[in-house]
Amino acid sequence: MGPDDTPAIETLEPASTRPTGGSKLAHLFHRINSIIPEAQEVVTVAPSAFAAEALALLDQHRFSQVPVVRGGEVLGSFSYRSFARRAVELQHGHGALGELPVEEFMEALDIAHATDELASIFAAVDRDDAVLIGAPNDLQAVVTAMDALRYLYRLTEPYVQLGEIERSLRMMVDASVNDGQLAECARHALQREYEGQEADLPTRAADMTLGELVSIIRDGRNWQHFEPMLGSRRELAAARLSPLPGLRNDLFHFRRELSDEERVTIAVARNWLLGKLRGTPLAEGTNG
């Protein structure tokens, strides 16, 4: 260790306690501050720390890289990649690699502002697996490729799953009834909704909304057609499917954020339908 007074390893305060450019806009637009993990603690190493200490830190926290900071100033980053690259050059005549200072293995990482657009860091994250957030003298957070993936997955998951559900129900309906039977099922379940507009009553699954598909399937007068595929307990099927149209409308019209419980409701229904389809002729792409 050199005459550096900077602690070898330091943990900064959680990112959520520092200003990251947040405002009402943060709830409307998806920018970098959206993907910073909540209450993230930024761990740093001093340039004079032993490489072995930094490697142990990466292993302990399951990091792929750690910022190198001295006196509040970001000097670069230490990573498995940067260590491996320099190790080839330093393996002879410099002693044990683990006893060399971190500054011998540093590499540069891009620094972005918390309110920059997400797309602005894609190239850097793809290249380096991480981007530093803040300024050279004000490190606020570290954003990795997994941070972006987790955020975007959570953002899109209910949309994708509802799409899977709606398409699956259409396929099940088409496989369970012929055109004439579907028209009769539609009259049973949807006649009240289309009273006075009977000419507009949909008679093809492709023309039906998720709510209309669910209404047709759960109607007791229609259940005989869908029981072979969805099981003998109509009330269980209805319990899984009934909440979905309302959740879909709230989600697709951006009325509110879904709760974790509502997300689970969608996921459970999606997985239930997947289970009903697996191993059936429909899963193989035939109707036979």
Protein backbone atom coordinates (compact mmCIF):
# COMPACT_ATOMS: atom_id res chain seq x y z
CA MET A 1 0.00 0.00 0.00
CA GLY A 2 1.25 3.46 -0.81
CA PRO A 3 1.01 6.66 1.22
CA ASP A 4 -2.63 7.06 0.21
CA ASP A 5 -4.99 7.91 3.07
CA THR A 6 -8.06 6.85 1.11
CA PRO A 7 -9.67 3.74 2.68
CA ALA A 8 -8.89 0.63 0.67
CA ILE A 9 -12.59 -0.16 0.44
CA GLU A 10 -15.38 2.35 0.95
CA THR A 11 -19.17 2.19 0.73
CA LEU A 12 -20.96 5.34 -0.32
CA GLU A 13 -24.44 6.26 0.88
CA PRO A 14 -27.40 4.69 -0.98
CA ALA A 15 -28.03 6.34 -4.32
CA SER A 16 -31.68 7.02 -3.45
CA THR A 17 -30.63 9.43 -0.68
CA ARG A 18 -28.79 11.69 -3.10
CA PRO A 19 -30.31 13.90 -5.78
CA THR A 20 -30.18 12.10 -9.14
CA GLY A 21 -32.04 14.64 -11.20
CA GLY A 22 -35.37 13.20 -10.08
CA SER A 23 -38.64 15.10 -10.42
CA LYS A 24 -42.17 14.44 -11.56
CA LEU A 25 -40.62 13.68 -14.93
CA ALA A 26 -38.95 10.65 -13.39
CA HIS A 27 -42.39 9.06 -13.05
CA LEU A 28 -43.35 9.85 -16.62
CA PHE A 29 -40.21 9.20 -18.66
CA HIS A 30 -37.89 6.22 -18.54
CA ARG A 31 -34.40 7.62 -18.20
CA ILE A 32 -31.24 6.40 -16.50
CA ASN A 33 -32.49 7.29 -13.04
CA SER A 34 -35.30 4.78 -13.58
CA ILE A 35 -32.94 1.82 -13.70
CA ILE A 36 -30.72 2.68 -10.73
CA PRO A 37 -31.50 0.01 -8.10
CA GLU A 38 -33.36 1.40 -5.14
CA ALA A 39 -31.09 2.28 -2.20
CA GLN A 40 -28.03 1.06 -4.08
CA GLU A 41 -24.86 1.26 -2.03
CA VAL A 42 -21.84 2.10 -4.16
CA VAL A 43 -18.72 0.25 -3.06
CA THR A 44 -15.38 1.70 -4.18
CA VAL A 45 -11.71 0.82 -3.85
CA ALA A 46 -8.69 3.04 -3.48
CA PRO A 47 -6.08 2.99 -6.25
CA SER A 48 -3.50 1.87 -3.68
CA ALA A 49 -5.50 -1.16 -2.53
CA PHE A 50 -4.03 -4.56 -3.33
CA ALA A 51 -5.47 -6.21 -6.42
CA ALA A 52 -6.16 -9.28 -4.26
CA GLU A 53 -8.38 -7.15 -2.01
CA ALA A 54 -10.31 -5.84 -5.01
CA LEU A 55 -10.76 -9.34 -6.43
CA ALA A 56 -12.05 -10.58 -3.07
CA LEU A 57 -14.46 -7.64 -3.03
CA LEU A 58 -15.82 -8.52 -6.48
CA ASP A 59 -16.31 -12.12 -5.39
CA GLN A 60 -17.93 -11.15 -2.07
CA HIS A 61 -20.50 -8.82 -3.65
CA ARG A 62 -20.78 -10.71 -6.95
CA PHE A 63 -19.76 -7.55 -8.79
CA SER A 64 -18.21 -7.55 -12.24
CA GLN A 65 -16.42 -4.26 -11.57
CA VAL A 66 -15.86 -1.68 -8.84
CA PRO A 67 -15.10 2.05 -9.18
CA VAL A 68 -11.63 3.24 -8.19
CA VAL A 69 -11.89 6.46 -6.17
CA ARG A 70 -9.39 8.72 -4.42
CA GLY A 71 -10.39 11.82 -2.50
CA GLY A 72 -13.90 11.67 -3.93
CA GLU A 73 -12.56 11.65 -7.50
CA VAL A 74 -13.32 8.75 -9.81
CA LEU A 75 -10.12 7.52 -11.42
CA GLY A 76 -11.47 4.52 -13.28
CA SER A 77 -12.74 1.01 -12.67
CA PHE A 78 -11.27 -2.31 -11.57
CA SER A 79 -12.85 -5.43 -13.07
CA TYR A 80 -12.10 -9.06 -13.81
CA ARG A 81 -11.56 -7.97 -17.41
CA SER A 82 -9.16 -5.15 -16.58
CA PHE A 83 -7.22 -7.43 -14.22
CA ALA A 84 -6.92 -10.18 -16.83
CA ARG A 85 -5.80 -7.78 -19.54
CA ARG A 86 -3.01 -6.24 -17.48
CA ALA A 87 -2.05 -9.52 -15.84
CA VAL A 88 -0.71 -10.73 -19.18
CA GLU A 89 1.64 -7.74 -19.30
CA LEU A 90 2.60 -7.75 -15.62
CA GLN A 91 2.96 -11.45 -14.92
CA HIS A 92 6.76 -11.45 -15.23
CA GLY A 93 9.16 -9.42 -13.13
CA HIS A 94 6.60 -7.56 -11.01
CA GLY A 95 6.02 -9.97 -8.13
CA ALA A 96 2.72 -11.51 -7.14
CA LEU A 97 -0.09 -9.95 -9.15
CA GLY A 98 -2.39 -9.86 -6.13
CA GLU A 99 0.08 -7.66 -4.28
CA LEU A 100 0.19 -5.01 -7.00
CA PRO A 101 -1.96 -1.90 -6.50
CA VAL A 102 -5.35 -1.62 -8.12
CA GLU A 103 -4.24 1.41 -10.13
CA GLU A 104 -2.07 -0.90 -12.23
CA PHE A 105 -5.21 -2.68 -13.46
CA MET A 106 -7.65 0.20 -13.94
CA GLU A 107 -9.72 0.83 -17.05
CA ALA A 108 -11.97 3.74 -17.96
CA LEU A 109 -15.76 3.60 -17.66
CA ASP A 110 -18.14 6.09 -19.21
CA ILE A 111 -19.84 8.51 -16.83
CA ALA A 112 -23.44 9.54 -17.50
CA HIS A 113 -25.94 11.85 -15.83
CA ALA A 114 -28.94 10.34 -14.09
CA THR A 115 -31.37 12.21 -16.34
CA ASP A 116 -29.74 11.14 -19.60
CA GLU A 117 -31.79 8.94 -21.91
CA LEU A 118 -31.53 5.19 -21.46
CA ALA A 119 -30.51 4.65 -25.06
CA SER A 120 -27.51 6.94 -24.60
CA ILE A 121 -25.69 4.33 -22.49
CA PHE A 122 -26.55 1.17 -24.44
CA ALA A 123 -23.28 1.10 -26.38
CA ALA A 124 -21.18 1.70 -23.26
CA VAL A 125 -23.04 -0.93 -21.21
CA ASP A 126 -22.72 -3.41 -24.06
CA ARG A 127 -18.99 -2.73 -24.29
CA ASP A 128 -18.09 -2.46 -20.59
CA ASP A 129 -21.07 -4.06 -18.77
CA ALA A 130 -21.44 -0.94 -16.64
CA VAL A 131 -21.65 2.86 -16.62
CA LEU A 132 -20.90 5.21 -13.75
CA ILE A 133 -23.61 7.72 -12.86
CA GLY A 134 -22.90 11.24 -11.66
CA ALA A 135 -19.71 13.17 -12.31
CA PRO A 136 -15.97 12.49 -11.91
CA ASN A 137 -16.08 14.18 -8.49
CA ASP A 138 -19.59 13.05 -7.53
CA LEU A 139 -20.14 9.33 -8.00
CA GLN A 140 -23.82 8.59 -7.39
CA ALA A 141 -24.42 5.09 -8.71
CA VAL A 142 -23.25 2.29 -10.96
CA VAL A 143 -25.60 0.94 -13.61
CA THR A 144 -24.95 -2.49 -15.10
CA ALA A 145 -26.46 -4.44 -17.98
CA MET A 146 -28.43 -6.53 -15.46
CA ASP A 147 -29.86 -3.40 -13.85
CA ALA A 148 -31.22 -2.34 -17.24
CA LEU A 149 -32.48 -5.85 -18.01
CA ARG A 150 -34.28 -6.21 -14.67
CA TYR A 151 -35.91 -2.81 -15.02
CA LEU A 152 -37.05 -3.33 -18.60
CA TYR A 153 -38.29 -6.84 -17.81
CA ARG A 154 -40.38 -5.61 -14.89
CA LEU A 155 -41.69 -2.78 -17.06
CA THR A 156 -42.76 -5.03 -19.93
CA GLU A 157 -43.59 -8.31 -18.16
CA PRO A 158 -47.35 -7.74 -17.65
CA TYR A 159 -47.80 -6.50 -21.23
CA VAL A 160 -46.07 -9.58 -22.60
CA GLN A 161 -47.94 -11.96 -20.32
CA LEU A 162 -51.34 -10.45 -21.10
CA GLY A 163 -50.54 -10.79 -24.78
CA GLU A 164 -49.70 -14.45 -24.25
CA ILE A 165 -52.95 -14.95 -22.33
CA GLU A 166 -55.13 -13.26 -24.92
CA ARG A 167 -53.60 -15.14 -27.83
CA SER A 168 -53.84 -18.44 -25.93
CA LEU A 169 -57.52 -17.92 -25.15
CA ARG A 170 -58.27 -17.14 -28.78
CA MET A 171 -56.52 -20.32 -29.84
CA MET A 172 -58.37 -22.36 -27.22
CA VAL A 173 -61.74 -20.94 -28.23
CA ASP A 174 -61.10 -21.60 -31.92
CA ALA A 175 -60.03 -25.17 -31.10
CA SER A 176 -63.01 -25.86 -28.85
CA VAL A 177 -65.97 -24.71 -30.96
CA ASN A 178 -66.89 -24.38 -34.61
CA ASP A 179 -68.17 -21.15 -36.14
CA GLY A 180 -71.81 -21.88 -35.38
CA GLN A 181 -71.10 -22.88 -31.79
CA LEU A 182 -69.00 -19.79 -31.21
CA ALA A 183 -71.79 -17.57 -32.50
CA GLU A 184 -74.17 -19.24 -30.07
CA CYS A 185 -71.68 -18.89 -27.20
CA ALA A 186 -71.30 -15.20 -28.03
CA ARG A 187 -75.06 -14.68 -27.89
CA HIS A 188 -75.22 -16.42 -24.51
CA ALA A 189 -72.47 -14.36 -22.92
CA LEU A 190 -72.52 -11.02 -24.75
CA GLN A 191 -76.15 -10.41 -25.71
CA ARG A 192 -76.75 -7.96 -22.89
CA GLU A 193 -73.65 -5.93 -23.75
CA TYR A 194 -74.75 -5.68 -27.40
CA GLU A 195 -78.45 -5.12 -26.79
CA GLY A 196 -79.72 -2.89 -29.58
CA GLN A 197 -76.45 -3.46 -31.48
CA GLU A 198 -76.87 -7.13 -32.28
CA ALA A 199 -75.31 -6.65 -35.72
CA ASP A 200 -72.05 -5.66 -34.05
CA LEU A 201 -71.86 -8.73 -31.80
CA PRO A 202 -68.54 -10.46 -32.57
CA THR A 203 -68.75 -14.06 -33.68
CA ARG A 204 -65.06 -14.68 -34.40
CA ALA A 205 -62.44 -15.10 -31.66
CA ALA A 206 -60.10 -12.85 -33.63
CA ASP A 207 -62.59 -9.98 -33.29
CA MET A 208 -63.18 -10.41 -29.54
CA THR A 209 -61.57 -8.48 -26.72
CA LEU A 210 -60.00 -10.23 -23.77
CA GLY A 211 -63.05 -9.39 -21.71
CA GLU A 212 -65.37 -10.94 -24.29
CA LEU A 213 -63.28 -14.09 -24.52
CA VAL A 214 -63.33 -14.47 -20.74
CA SER A 215 -67.09 -13.86 -20.60
CA ILE A 216 -67.71 -16.54 -23.22
CA ILE A 217 -65.48 -19.11 -21.54
CA ARG A 218 -66.82 -18.63 -18.01
CA ASP A 219 -70.52 -18.62 -19.02
CA GLY A 220 -72.13 -21.75 -17.61
CA ARG A 221 -74.12 -22.34 -20.79
CA ASN A 222 -70.88 -22.50 -22.76
CA TRP A 223 -68.68 -24.41 -20.33
CA GLN A 224 -69.27 -27.81 -21.89
CA HIS A 225 -67.21 -26.71 -24.88
CA PHE A 226 -64.22 -25.57 -22.85
CA GLU A 227 -64.24 -28.10 -20.02
CA PRO A 228 -62.13 -30.69 -21.91
CA MET A 229 -59.29 -28.21 -22.20
CA LEU A 230 -59.64 -26.09 -19.05
CA GLY A 231 -60.79 -28.71 -16.56
CA SER A 232 -63.99 -29.67 -14.80
CA ARG A 233 -64.04 -26.83 -12.26
CA ARG A 234 -65.55 -23.83 -14.00
CA GLU A 235 -65.34 -21.71 -10.85
CA LEU A 236 -61.56 -22.18 -10.68
CA ALA A 237 -61.13 -21.14 -14.30
CA ALA A 238 -63.40 -18.15 -13.73
CA ALA A 239 -61.43 -17.10 -10.65
CA ARG A 240 -58.18 -17.08 -12.63
CA LEU A 241 -59.53 -15.35 -15.71
CA SER A 242 -62.09 -12.86 -14.37
CA PRO A 243 -59.63 -10.23 -13.02
CA LEU A 244 -57.64 -10.08 -16.25
CA PRO A 245 -59.79 -7.79 -18.46
CA GLY A 246 -59.87 -5.04 -15.83
CA LEU A 247 -56.14 -5.30 -15.24
CA ARG A 248 -55.50 -5.22 -18.97
CA ASN A 249 -57.58 -2.06 -19.40
CA ASP A 250 -55.84 -0.28 -16.54
CA LEU A 251 -52.44 -1.31 -17.84
CA PHE A 252 -52.91 -0.63 -21.55
CA HIS A 253 -54.58 2.72 -20.90
CA PHE A 254 -51.78 3.69 -18.47
CA ARG A 255 -54.25 4.49 -15.73
CA ARG A 256 -52.08 3.30 -12.85
CA GLU A 257 -49.23 1.07 -11.81
CA LEU A 258 -50.16 -2.53 -11.11
CA SER A 259 -49.51 -3.80 -7.61
CA ASP A 260 -47.21 -6.75 -6.99
CA GLU A 261 -50.27 -8.84 -6.12
CA GLU A 262 -51.90 -7.96 -9.45
CA ARG A 263 -48.72 -8.85 -11.27
CA VAL A 264 -48.80 -12.23 -9.58
CA THR A 265 -52.44 -12.68 -10.64
CA ILE A 266 -51.45 -12.17 -14.28
CA ALA A 267 -48.42 -14.46 -14.00
CA VAL A 268 -50.44 -17.22 -12.33
CA ALA A 269 -53.09 -17.09 -15.05
CA ARG A 270 -50.43 -17.13 -17.76
CA ASN A 271 -48.67 -20.14 -16.23
CA TRP A 272 -51.99 -21.94 -15.70
CA LEU A 273 -52.88 -21.55 -19.37
CA LEU A 274 -49.42 -22.68 -20.41
CA GLY A 275 -49.88 -25.78 -18.28
CA LYS A 276 -53.24 -26.50 -19.93
CA LEU A 277 -51.70 -26.25 -23.39
CA ARG A 278 -48.49 -28.19 -22.83
CA GLY A 279 -48.63 -31.71 -24.20
CA THR A 280 -51.78 -31.08 -26.24
CA PRO A 281 -52.08 -31.15 -30.04
CA LEU A 282 -52.40 -27.36 -29.95
CA ALA A 283 -48.90 -27.14 -28.53
CA GLU A 284 -47.64 -29.03 -31.57
CA GLY A 285 -49.35 -26.64 -33.99
CA THR A 286 -52.20 -28.92 -35.08
CA ASN A 287 -55.87 -29.12 -34.32
CA GLY A 288 -56.03 -32.89 -34.59
